[in-house]
Amino acid sequence: MQFFQHRFATVEQYLHHRPPYLLVERICSCSSTEIVTEKTVRGDEFFLQGHFPGAPIFPGAMMQELTTQSAGILIAAQYNPMRTYDTRDPHFNEYALGVLVRVHQARYKTFARPGDVLVVKVKLEEYLDNLFDFRASIAVDDQAIMRNSFQLTNLPSSALLGAAQRTGNPR
């Protein structure tokens, strides 16, 4: 399969995610096998309101999502099977890039709280056709707080659309 490299100015141009679900704020570096991104926990994120009232903690599930979004950027930048790519329109692209298919493991050492800058390092371990194996870590002040490994894949965009959207018929 042929891949095309893409370089964009903003995170939104790599990912279909948008606020409030877009977690990656900055791309620090990106190569063919590794990406480093950042997210500052502000404290006003929607998921912190109930996790936990009076003692807000960045949820582990959102840390997992932060690592997969970072890996998705690497795929969109380096392993994109489309010559042209536009995240503003879900019907434009032939493929949905970086869809999570498996979490092998996730280990959490401590918490992330408002004011923390989360530094995400994701390494591409192996890929075969459209299946990508990643290993990742999140650190705060150079101390690892989470490590995980997971798989992402590129799927035909039609797989993400409901039957009504594929046929153009409302429910």
Protein backbone atom coordinates (compact mmCIF):
# COMPACT_ATOMS: atom_id res chain seq x y z
CA MET A 1 0.00 0.00 0.00
CA GLN A 2 1.26 3.47 -0.84
CA PHE A 3 1.32 6.08 1.93
CA PHE A 4 1.35 9.86 1.53
CA GLN A 5 2.95 12.25 4.00
CA HIS A 6 0.92 15.25 5.17
CA ARG A 7 2.11 18.29 7.13
CA PHE A 8 -0.52 20.61 8.56
CA ALA A 9 -0.44 23.71 10.75
CA THR A 10 -3.06 22.64 13.31
CA VAL A 11 -4.04 19.51 15.25
CA GLU A 12 -7.56 19.74 13.80
CA GLN A 13 -6.21 19.20 10.30
CA TYR A 14 -4.91 15.75 11.33
CA LEU A 15 -7.86 14.54 13.41
CA HIS A 16 -11.62 14.51 12.98
CA HIS A 17 -12.00 15.13 16.72
CA ARG A 18 -13.18 18.57 17.79
CA PRO A 19 -13.60 20.28 21.17
CA PRO A 20 -14.62 19.30 23.71
CA TYR A 21 -13.38 15.81 22.77
CA LEU A 22 -10.16 16.89 21.05
CA LEU A 23 -7.53 16.36 23.74
CA VAL A 24 -4.20 16.96 21.96
CA GLU A 25 -3.29 20.65 22.19
CA ARG A 26 0.24 20.73 20.80
CA ILE A 27 2.39 18.60 18.53
CA CYS A 28 5.98 18.88 19.78
CA SER A 29 7.60 16.51 17.28
CA CYS A 30 6.61 13.85 14.77
CA SER A 31 8.76 11.36 12.86
CA SER A 32 7.91 8.18 10.99
CA THR A 33 8.01 6.14 14.21
CA GLU A 34 7.41 8.55 17.10
CA ILE A 35 5.26 11.50 18.09
CA VAL A 36 5.38 13.75 21.14
CA THR A 37 2.33 15.83 22.03
CA GLU A 38 1.10 17.88 24.98
CA LYS A 39 -2.09 18.65 26.83
CA THR A 40 -2.42 21.04 29.75
CA VAL A 41 -5.11 19.98 32.22
CA ARG A 42 -7.02 23.25 32.68
CA GLY A 43 -9.57 22.07 35.21
CA ASP A 44 -12.64 23.15 33.23
CA GLU A 45 -12.77 20.03 31.01
CA PHE A 46 -16.30 18.58 30.92
CA PHE A 47 -15.20 15.18 32.26
CA LEU A 48 -13.51 16.66 35.35
CA GLN A 49 -16.80 18.06 36.66
CA GLY A 50 -17.84 14.65 37.93
CA HIS A 51 -14.41 13.01 38.28
CA PHE A 52 -14.28 13.78 41.21
CA PRO A 53 -16.19 16.79 42.64
CA GLY A 54 -13.85 18.71 44.92
CA ALA A 55 -10.82 16.62 43.86
CA PRO A 56 -10.66 16.72 40.04
CA ILE A 57 -8.55 13.96 38.48
CA PHE A 58 -7.93 13.46 34.75
CA PRO A 59 -9.62 10.08 34.03
CA GLY A 60 -7.54 7.09 32.96
CA ALA A 61 -9.91 6.51 30.03
CA MET A 62 -9.16 10.04 28.81
CA MET A 63 -5.41 9.36 29.15
CA GLN A 64 -5.93 6.33 26.89
CA GLU A 65 -7.80 8.55 24.44
CA LEU A 66 -5.03 11.17 24.56
CA THR A 67 -2.47 8.52 23.54
CA THR A 68 -4.66 7.19 20.73
CA GLN A 69 -5.34 10.69 19.39
CA SER A 70 -1.58 11.31 19.37
CA ALA A 71 -1.01 8.04 17.48
CA GLY A 72 -3.79 9.05 15.07
CA ILE A 73 -1.87 12.21 14.24
CA LEU A 74 1.23 10.13 13.47
CA ILE A 75 -0.83 7.91 11.14
CA ALA A 76 -2.43 10.91 9.40
CA ALA A 77 0.98 12.55 8.97
CA GLN A 78 3.09 9.55 7.94
CA TYR A 79 0.90 6.57 6.99
CA ASN A 80 -2.02 8.16 5.21
CA PRO A 81 -3.30 6.11 2.26
CA MET A 82 -5.01 9.20 0.76
CA ARG A 83 -3.33 11.77 -1.45
CA THR A 84 -5.79 14.45 -0.26
CA TYR A 85 -7.17 14.56 3.26
CA ASP A 86 -9.74 16.83 4.89
CA THR A 87 -10.96 16.36 8.47
CA ARG A 88 -13.74 18.95 8.20
CA ASP A 89 -16.02 16.66 6.20
CA PRO A 90 -16.52 13.01 7.30
CA HIS A 91 -17.77 12.15 3.79
CA PHE A 92 -14.69 13.51 2.00
CA ASN A 93 -12.11 10.90 2.99
CA GLU A 94 -12.08 7.33 1.75
CA TYR A 95 -10.62 6.12 5.07
CA ALA A 96 -11.15 6.81 8.76
CA LEU A 97 -7.60 6.87 10.08
CA GLY A 98 -6.43 5.51 13.43
CA VAL A 99 -9.55 3.76 14.71
CA LEU A 100 -8.89 2.01 18.05
CA VAL A 101 -9.30 -1.77 17.77
CA ARG A 102 -7.40 -3.10 20.79
CA VAL A 103 -5.87 -2.05 24.07
CA HIS A 104 -3.25 -4.57 25.13
CA GLN A 105 -2.48 -3.04 28.50
CA ALA A 106 -2.64 0.19 30.41
CA ARG A 107 -0.89 0.93 33.69
CA TYR A 108 -1.47 4.03 35.77
CA LYS A 109 1.11 5.08 38.35
CA THR A 110 -0.44 8.27 39.72
CA PHE A 111 -2.95 11.01 38.92
CA ALA A 112 -3.03 14.01 36.62
CA ARG A 113 -4.64 17.13 38.05
CA PRO A 114 -5.49 20.67 36.92
CA GLY A 115 -2.34 22.60 36.11
CA ASP A 116 -0.39 19.51 35.00
CA VAL A 117 1.17 19.48 31.54
CA LEU A 118 0.80 15.98 30.12
CA VAL A 119 3.64 15.04 27.78
CA VAL A 120 2.60 12.16 25.56
CA LYS A 121 5.20 10.00 23.81
CA VAL A 122 3.92 7.44 21.33
CA LYS A 123 6.14 4.99 19.47
CA LEU A 124 5.07 2.96 16.46
CA GLU A 125 6.31 -0.55 17.20
CA GLU A 126 5.11 -2.29 14.04
CA TYR A 127 2.63 -1.96 11.23
CA LEU A 128 1.24 -4.35 8.68
CA ASP A 129 -0.98 -3.00 5.92
CA ASN A 130 -3.56 -0.95 7.87
CA LEU A 131 -2.91 -2.31 11.38
CA PHE A 132 -0.58 -0.29 13.64
CA ASP A 133 0.89 -1.39 16.99
CA PHE A 134 1.83 1.41 19.40
CA ARG A 135 3.47 1.79 22.80
CA ALA A 136 2.89 5.04 24.69
CA SER A 137 3.57 6.88 27.91
CA ILE A 138 2.33 10.05 29.57
CA ALA A 139 4.60 12.03 31.87
CA VAL A 140 4.19 15.02 34.17
CA ASP A 141 7.39 16.85 35.15
CA ASP A 142 9.47 14.06 33.53
CA GLN A 143 7.78 11.40 35.71
CA ALA A 144 5.78 8.69 33.91
CA ILE A 145 2.21 8.54 35.18
CA MET A 146 0.80 6.10 32.59
CA ARG A 147 2.02 3.51 30.09
CA ASN A 148 -0.02 1.59 27.56
CA SER A 149 0.08 -0.34 24.31
CA PHE A 150 -2.68 -0.51 21.74
CA GLN A 151 -3.60 -1.08 18.09
CA LEU A 152 -5.17 1.30 15.63
CA THR A 153 -6.38 0.62 12.10
CA ASN A 154 -7.47 2.53 9.02
CA LEU A 155 -11.04 1.62 8.04
CA PRO A 156 -13.14 2.60 5.06
CA SER A 157 -15.05 5.72 6.16
CA SER A 158 -18.32 4.03 5.23
CA ALA A 159 -17.81 1.66 8.21
CA LEU A 160 -18.22 4.59 10.61
CA LEU A 161 -21.37 5.98 9.04
CA GLY A 162 -24.77 4.67 10.08
CA ALA A 163 -27.02 3.06 7.50
CA ALA A 164 -29.14 6.23 7.23
CA GLN A 165 -26.06 8.34 6.42
CA ARG A 166 -24.76 5.84 3.83
CA THR A 167 -28.08 5.79 1.98
CA GLY A 168 -28.99 9.43 2.58
CA ASN A 169 -32.27 8.42 4.26
CA PRO A 170 -33.15 9.99 7.62
CA ARG A 171 -34.30 7.66 10.39
